[in-house]
Amino acid sequence: MEIEVIQGNIVDVEADVIVNAANRTLLGGGGVDGVIHAAAGPKLLDECLELRKSKFVSGLPTGQVAVTKAYNLKSKHIFHTVGPVKGKDDLSLLKDCYVNCLRKAEELGAESIAFPAISTGAYKVPVEYSAKLVREILKNYTPNLKVKLVLYSYADKSIYDEVFREK
């Protein structure tokens, strides 16, 4: 497994799959979710509305994954996953977000996947907690995937860099 830590905007990254830190509605929102919906174009919202009517009538459960096309993005698929909210949800659900996305990527035959730091923005999960969890997940995950960890801010990338340098 190849792991790359990148500072930038996830919609600019080339990968078979990009992961959207979505909200339960699947209908766009702020942060990564809003950026991905805006960049992918209106057909993404149409597909998400269909998913809400058929598979996720009550919304996407925390830790689960919904797959859509990527439309105007460089990737083939968008994996939408809802991370936990600090102080409200069990933070162990964050592991489910990453593991379920990795498994789904493997099922679809993807060679590369790009993750944002799920739940570290408005959902207030500490970036260092996220980085350590992701490092542990990736250390124990064996499929031959190229994983890109895309951090929007320099400060978040610095934390991920430091954690991934630790033995």
Protein backbone atom coordinates (compact mmCIF):
# COMPACT_ATOMS: atom_id res chain seq x y z
CA MET A 1 0.00 0.00 0.00
CA GLU A 2 1.31 3.42 -0.97
CA ILE A 3 0.29 6.33 1.27
CA GLU A 4 0.67 9.98 0.32
CA VAL A 5 -0.17 12.96 2.54
CA ILE A 6 -1.11 15.99 0.45
CA GLN A 7 -2.12 19.56 1.21
CA GLY A 8 -4.77 20.82 -1.16
CA ASN A 9 -8.34 20.61 -2.36
CA ILE A 10 -9.64 17.06 -2.72
CA VAL A 11 -11.53 17.90 -5.94
CA ASP A 12 -8.18 18.59 -7.64
CA VAL A 13 -6.69 15.20 -6.74
CA GLU A 14 -6.48 12.41 -9.28
CA ALA A 15 -7.75 9.13 -7.83
CA ASP A 16 -10.24 6.46 -8.87
CA VAL A 17 -12.31 7.35 -5.80
CA ILE A 18 -12.61 10.49 -3.75
CA VAL A 19 -14.29 10.33 -0.37
CA ASN A 20 -16.84 12.93 0.61
CA ALA A 21 -17.19 13.79 4.29
CA ALA A 22 -20.94 14.03 3.76
CA ASN A 23 -23.84 14.88 6.00
CA ARG A 24 -26.74 12.49 6.58
CA THR A 25 -28.93 14.13 3.93
CA LEU A 26 -26.48 13.46 1.06
CA LEU A 27 -27.66 16.76 -0.42
CA GLY A 28 -24.51 18.82 -0.02
CA GLY A 29 -23.52 21.14 2.76
CA GLY A 30 -20.48 23.01 3.97
CA GLY A 31 -16.80 22.15 3.95
CA VAL A 32 -15.64 19.20 1.85
CA ASP A 33 -19.24 18.20 1.11
CA GLY A 34 -20.12 21.56 -0.42
CA VAL A 35 -16.89 21.74 -2.42
CA ILE A 36 -17.40 18.26 -3.88
CA HIS A 37 -21.04 18.91 -4.79
CA ALA A 38 -20.15 22.23 -6.43
CA ALA A 39 -17.27 20.76 -8.43
CA ALA A 40 -19.10 17.57 -9.48
CA GLY A 41 -22.06 19.54 -10.84
CA PRO A 42 -25.86 19.27 -10.56
CA LYS A 43 -26.09 15.64 -11.69
CA LEU A 44 -24.49 14.61 -8.38
CA LEU A 45 -27.35 16.18 -6.46
CA ASP A 46 -29.84 14.39 -8.73
CA GLU A 47 -28.19 11.03 -8.04
CA CYS A 48 -28.07 11.75 -4.30
CA LEU A 49 -31.78 12.61 -4.33
CA GLU A 50 -32.46 9.23 -5.95
CA LEU A 51 -30.39 7.49 -3.28
CA ARG A 52 -32.43 9.26 -0.59
CA LYS A 53 -35.67 8.05 -2.18
CA SER A 54 -34.50 4.46 -2.63
CA LYS A 55 -31.75 3.32 -0.24
CA PHE A 56 -31.34 5.99 2.41
CA VAL A 57 -34.82 7.31 3.10
CA SER A 58 -33.85 8.29 6.66
CA GLY A 59 -30.45 9.57 5.62
CA LEU A 60 -27.04 7.92 5.37
CA PRO A 61 -26.12 6.30 8.71
CA THR A 62 -22.86 7.36 10.36
CA GLY A 63 -19.96 5.17 9.23
CA GLN A 64 -21.72 3.77 6.16
CA VAL A 65 -20.89 4.47 2.51
CA ALA A 66 -23.02 5.58 -0.44
CA VAL A 67 -21.45 5.39 -3.90
CA THR A 68 -22.17 7.80 -6.76
CA LYS A 69 -20.59 8.72 -10.05
CA ALA A 70 -18.06 11.55 -9.95
CA TYR A 71 -19.51 13.55 -12.88
CA ASN A 72 -17.26 16.60 -13.47
CA LEU A 73 -14.47 15.38 -11.17
CA LYS A 74 -11.30 13.55 -12.23
CA SER A 75 -12.28 10.42 -10.29
CA LYS A 76 -14.61 7.59 -11.29
CA HIS A 77 -16.61 7.46 -8.07
CA ILE A 78 -17.45 9.51 -5.01
CA PHE A 79 -17.86 7.62 -1.75
CA HIS A 80 -20.09 9.57 0.62
CA THR A 81 -19.61 8.76 4.29
CA VAL A 82 -20.93 10.47 7.40
CA GLY A 83 -18.44 10.82 10.23
CA PRO A 84 -19.27 11.09 13.91
CA VAL A 85 -19.84 14.40 15.68
CA LYS A 86 -17.60 14.85 18.73
CA GLY A 87 -19.67 15.01 21.91
CA LYS A 88 -22.73 13.52 20.20
CA ASP A 89 -21.67 10.28 18.50
CA ASP A 90 -19.39 7.38 19.34
CA LEU A 91 -16.02 8.37 17.84
CA SER A 92 -15.28 4.72 17.06
CA LEU A 93 -17.67 5.20 14.12
CA LEU A 94 -14.89 7.17 12.44
CA LYS A 95 -13.01 3.91 11.93
CA ASP A 96 -16.09 2.52 10.13
CA CYS A 97 -15.98 5.44 7.68
CA TYR A 98 -12.45 4.65 6.59
CA VAL A 99 -12.68 0.85 6.69
CA ASN A 100 -15.98 0.75 4.79
CA CYS A 101 -14.58 3.06 2.11
CA LEU A 102 -11.45 0.91 1.74
CA ARG A 103 -13.55 -2.25 1.44
CA LYS A 104 -15.87 -0.65 -1.11
CA ALA A 105 -12.87 0.56 -3.15
CA GLU A 106 -11.52 -2.98 -3.17
CA GLU A 107 -14.93 -4.36 -4.24
CA LEU A 108 -15.05 -1.91 -7.16
CA GLY A 109 -11.48 -2.71 -8.24
CA ALA A 110 -10.19 0.81 -7.57
CA GLU A 111 -6.45 1.35 -7.61
CA SER A 112 -6.46 4.66 -5.74
CA ILE A 113 -8.57 6.48 -3.18
CA ALA A 114 -8.37 10.02 -1.76
CA PHE A 115 -9.64 10.79 1.74
CA PRO A 116 -10.21 14.12 3.46
CA ALA A 117 -9.80 14.26 7.24
CA ILE A 118 -13.35 13.06 7.96
CA SER A 119 -15.14 14.79 10.88
CA THR A 120 -12.27 17.16 11.72
CA GLY A 121 -14.05 20.32 10.57
CA ALA A 122 -17.54 21.19 11.75
CA TYR A 123 -17.86 17.81 13.51
CA LYS A 124 -14.93 18.77 15.81
CA VAL A 125 -12.96 15.50 15.92
CA PRO A 126 -9.36 16.49 16.76
CA VAL A 127 -7.02 16.25 13.76
CA GLU A 128 -4.37 14.37 15.78
CA TYR A 129 -6.96 11.76 16.83
CA SER A 130 -7.99 11.39 13.20
CA ALA A 131 -4.41 11.06 11.96
CA LYS A 132 -3.52 8.39 14.53
CA LEU A 133 -6.68 6.43 13.76
CA VAL A 134 -6.08 6.58 10.00
CA ARG A 135 -2.44 5.53 10.44
CA GLU A 136 -3.54 2.50 12.51
CA ILE A 137 -6.23 1.53 10.00
CA LEU A 138 -3.86 1.77 7.04
CA LYS A 139 -1.11 -0.11 8.87
CA ASN A 140 -3.48 -3.07 9.31
CA TYR A 141 -5.12 -2.90 5.89
CA THR A 142 -3.51 -4.99 3.18
CA PRO A 143 -5.13 -4.38 -0.24
CA ASN A 144 -2.88 -2.87 -2.85
CA LEU A 145 -4.40 0.59 -2.99
CA LYS A 146 -2.74 3.94 -3.41
CA VAL A 147 -4.15 6.07 -0.58
CA LYS A 148 -4.02 9.84 -0.74
CA LEU A 149 -4.78 11.72 2.47
CA VAL A 150 -5.79 15.21 1.39
CA LEU A 151 -5.63 17.91 4.05
CA TYR A 152 -6.97 21.32 3.22
CA SER A 153 -4.85 23.33 5.66
CA TYR A 154 -1.10 23.41 6.15
CA ALA A 155 -1.63 22.96 9.92
CA ASP A 156 -3.64 19.75 9.42
CA LYS A 157 -1.09 18.41 6.93
CA SER A 158 1.70 19.10 9.43
CA ILE A 159 -0.12 17.07 12.08
CA TYR A 160 -0.67 14.16 9.66
CA ASP A 161 2.97 14.34 8.52
CA GLU A 162 4.16 14.15 12.12
CA VAL A 163 1.87 11.23 13.02
CA PHE A 164 2.79 9.28 9.89
CA ARG A 165 6.51 9.75 10.63
CA GLU A 166 6.09 8.11 14.07
CA LYS A 167 7.04 4.45 14.30
